[in-house]
Each structure stands twice: as C-alpha cells, then as structure tokens.
Amino acid sequence: MKDWPLYEIFIRSKAGLHHRHVGSLHAADDEMAIENARDVYCRRMEGVSIWAIKSSQIIANDPDEGEELFEPAENKIYRHPTFYDLPDVLKHM
C-alpha cells in the first residue's frame, strides 16, 4: 500500500453545486480510488458525483507569489458580477 498513489477526493453534494475537497486516500488505480471514495465519503448518500485526482497531477501556484499572480485582476472590476441583477430563479450562482 505504501506504493499506491495518493488521490485528492472532491464530492458534489447535489446537482448544480460545485465539487468540494473532502479528503485524500491511497488507491492502487483510478477505479479503486472512486470506489474507496464512495465508501469513505458518501456512506450516507452525501454525494451525486465524485472526482478523484492523483495528487501528483495537481499543479498550484506558489503562495508566496500570489500577490504578483493576481494583481492584474484588481484593475478589471468589470470582471466581477456585481454589476448584474440576477433573477431569483437562478440559484447557486
């Protein structure tokens, strides 16, 4: 088991909602990762969708360089949805 890759598990609780990270687990292959995730994180019907991603495949920015990375967005306020009125029928936006 020590040679099995580590997977990050994301569960979507209801249709239309986003997936959220719920934990990690080791598995021999992708199929086992999904099955183990279902058994560990969806025992009480908590999810409708599971993502299992090998931790080694996740690429992230360096938190120390975050300010430089996100700085260009600060002067583009038109990209923020604060200017739009959405109808009440739209949920989870």
C-alpha atoms as a PDB file:
ATOM      1  CA  MET A   1       0.000   0.000   0.000  1.00  0.00           C
ATOM      2  CA  LYS A   2       2.882   2.398   0.560  1.00  0.00           C
ATOM      3  CA  ASP A   3       3.490   2.440  -3.212  1.00  0.00           C
ATOM      4  CA  TRP A   4      -0.118   3.318  -4.049  1.00  0.00           C
ATOM      5  CA  PRO A   5      -0.558   6.884  -5.289  1.00  0.00           C
ATOM      6  CA  LEU A   6      -2.343   9.483  -3.195  1.00  0.00           C
ATOM      7  CA  TYR A   7      -5.641  10.807  -4.585  1.00  0.00           C
ATOM      8  CA  GLU A   8      -7.444  14.014  -3.677  1.00  0.00           C
ATOM      9  CA  ILE A   9     -11.195  13.472  -3.442  1.00  0.00           C
ATOM     10  CA  PHE A  10     -13.868  16.002  -4.406  1.00  0.00           C
ATOM     11  CA  ILE A  11     -17.597  15.400  -3.872  1.00  0.00           C
ATOM     12  CA  ARG A  12     -20.559  17.250  -5.352  1.00  0.00           C
ATOM     13  CA  SER A  13     -23.402  17.008  -2.874  1.00  0.00           C
ATOM     14  CA  LYS A  14     -26.282  17.996  -5.185  1.00  0.00           C
ATOM     15  CA  ALA A  15     -26.721  18.586  -8.875  1.00  0.00           C
ATOM     16  CA  GLY A  16     -25.853  22.169  -9.759  1.00  0.00           C
ATOM     17  CA  LEU A  17     -23.492  22.722  -6.837  1.00  0.00           C
ATOM     18  CA  HIS A  18     -19.708  22.741  -7.112  1.00  0.00           C
ATOM     19  CA  HIS A  19     -17.431  19.885  -6.095  1.00  0.00           C
ATOM     20  CA  ARG A  20     -15.612  20.428  -2.808  1.00  0.00           C
ATOM     21  CA  HIS A  21     -12.487  18.805  -1.461  1.00  0.00           C
ATOM     22  CA  VAL A  22     -13.364  16.273   1.244  1.00  0.00           C
ATOM     23  CA  GLY A  23     -10.064  14.481   1.813  1.00  0.00           C
ATOM     24  CA  SER A  24      -7.366  12.221   0.457  1.00  0.00           C
ATOM     25  CA  LEU A  25      -6.825   8.494   0.125  1.00  0.00           C
ATOM     26  CA  HIS A  26      -4.393   5.986  -1.346  1.00  0.00           C
ATOM     27  CA  ALA A  27      -5.562   3.580  -4.056  1.00  0.00           C
ATOM     28  CA  ALA A  28      -3.971   1.099  -6.448  1.00  0.00           C
ATOM     29  CA  ASP A  29      -5.708   2.615  -9.502  1.00  0.00           C
ATOM     30  CA  ASP A  30      -8.325   5.147 -10.607  1.00  0.00           C
ATOM     31  CA  GLU A  31     -11.270   2.748 -10.297  1.00  0.00           C
ATOM     32  CA  MET A  32     -10.298   1.784  -6.765  1.00  0.00           C
ATOM     33  CA  ALA A  33      -9.934   5.469  -5.877  1.00  0.00           C
ATOM     34  CA  ILE A  34     -13.541   6.167  -6.933  1.00  0.00           C
ATOM     35  CA  GLU A  35     -14.874   3.097  -5.143  1.00  0.00           C
ATOM     36  CA  ASN A  36     -12.942   3.858  -1.953  1.00  0.00           C
ATOM     37  CA  ALA A  37     -14.029   7.500  -2.091  1.00  0.00           C
ATOM     38  CA  ARG A  38     -17.655   6.395  -2.373  1.00  0.00           C
ATOM     39  CA  ASP A  39     -17.246   4.054   0.609  1.00  0.00           C
ATOM     40  CA  VAL A  40     -15.401   6.586   2.770  1.00  0.00           C
ATOM     41  CA  TYR A  41     -17.013   9.916   1.860  1.00  0.00           C
ATOM     42  CA  CYS A  42     -20.520   9.005   0.623  1.00  0.00           C
ATOM     43  CA  ARG A  43     -21.723   6.451   3.158  1.00  0.00           C
ATOM     44  CA  ARG A  44     -24.955   8.324   3.829  1.00  0.00           C
ATOM     45  CA  MET A  45     -25.807   9.409   0.284  1.00  0.00           C
ATOM     46  CA  GLU A  46     -23.893  12.690   0.665  1.00  0.00           C
ATOM     47  CA  GLY A  47     -22.884  12.912  -2.970  1.00  0.00           C
ATOM     48  CA  VAL A  48     -24.064  12.725  -6.548  1.00  0.00           C
ATOM     49  CA  SER A  49     -20.626  12.989  -8.187  1.00  0.00           C
ATOM     50  CA  ILE A  50     -17.056  12.057  -7.223  1.00  0.00           C
ATOM     51  CA  TRP A  51     -13.785  13.347  -8.614  1.00  0.00           C
ATOM     52  CA  ALA A  52     -10.570  11.513  -7.735  1.00  0.00           C
ATOM     53  CA  ILE A  53      -7.400  13.252  -8.861  1.00  0.00           C
ATOM     54  CA  LYS A  54      -3.876  11.977  -8.323  1.00  0.00           C
ATOM     55  CA  SER A  55      -2.162  14.429  -6.008  1.00  0.00           C
ATOM     56  CA  SER A  56       0.935  14.300  -8.186  1.00  0.00           C
ATOM     57  CA  GLN A  57      -1.113  15.731 -11.091  1.00  0.00           C
ATOM     58  CA  ILE A  58      -2.263  18.839  -9.242  1.00  0.00           C
ATOM     59  CA  ILE A  59      -0.356  21.977 -10.143  1.00  0.00           C
ATOM     60  CA  ALA A  60      -0.618  25.032  -7.907  1.00  0.00           C
ATOM     61  CA  ASN A  61       0.873  28.474  -7.727  1.00  0.00           C
ATOM     62  CA  ASP A  62       3.429  29.372  -5.086  1.00  0.00           C
ATOM     63  CA  PRO A  63       1.501  31.136  -2.285  1.00  0.00           C
ATOM     64  CA  ASP A  64       4.470  33.479  -1.773  1.00  0.00           C
ATOM     65  CA  GLU A  65       3.983  34.759  -5.324  1.00  0.00           C
ATOM     66  CA  GLY A  66       0.186  35.083  -5.105  1.00  0.00           C
ATOM     67  CA  GLU A  67       0.127  38.870  -4.965  1.00  0.00           C
ATOM     68  CA  GLU A  68       2.038  39.165  -8.242  1.00  0.00           C
ATOM     69  CA  LEU A  69      -0.074  36.485  -9.903  1.00  0.00           C
ATOM     70  CA  PHE A  70      -3.438  38.031  -9.044  1.00  0.00           C
ATOM     71  CA  GLU A  71      -2.511  41.722  -9.288  1.00  0.00           C
ATOM     72  CA  PRO A  72      -3.645  42.234 -12.920  1.00  0.00           C
ATOM     73  CA  ALA A  73      -7.255  41.398 -11.995  1.00  0.00           C
ATOM     74  CA  GLU A  74      -7.503  44.220  -9.433  1.00  0.00           C
ATOM     75  CA  ASN A  75      -7.949  46.918 -12.085  1.00  0.00           C
ATOM     76  CA  LYS A  76     -10.594  44.999 -14.076  1.00  0.00           C
ATOM     77  CA  ILE A  77     -13.694  45.492 -11.971  1.00  0.00           C
ATOM     78  CA  TYR A  78     -15.905  44.719 -14.962  1.00  0.00           C
ATOM     79  CA  ARG A  79     -14.978  41.058 -14.468  1.00  0.00           C
ATOM     80  CA  HIS A  80     -16.795  40.944 -11.140  1.00  0.00           C
ATOM     81  CA  PRO A  81     -20.511  40.132 -11.389  1.00  0.00           C
ATOM     82  CA  THR A  82     -21.510  42.949  -9.045  1.00  0.00           C
ATOM     83  CA  PHE A  83     -22.983  44.972 -11.924  1.00  0.00           C
ATOM     84  CA  TYR A  84     -25.644  42.440 -12.842  1.00  0.00           C
ATOM     85  CA  ASP A  85     -29.078  41.860 -11.360  1.00  0.00           C
ATOM     86  CA  LEU A  86     -29.893  38.169 -11.429  1.00  0.00           C
ATOM     87  CA  PRO A  87     -33.429  36.821 -11.266  1.00  0.00           C
ATOM     88  CA  ASP A  88     -34.421  34.976  -8.095  1.00  0.00           C
ATOM     89  CA  VAL A  89     -34.943  31.763 -10.082  1.00  0.00           C
ATOM     90  CA  LEU A  90     -31.177  31.453 -10.574  1.00  0.00           C
ATOM     91  CA  LYS A  91     -29.689  29.606  -7.649  1.00  0.00           C
ATOM     92  CA  HIS A  92     -26.107  28.690  -6.780  1.00  0.00           C
ATOM     93  CA  MET A  93     -24.553  31.461  -8.846  1.00  0.00           C
END
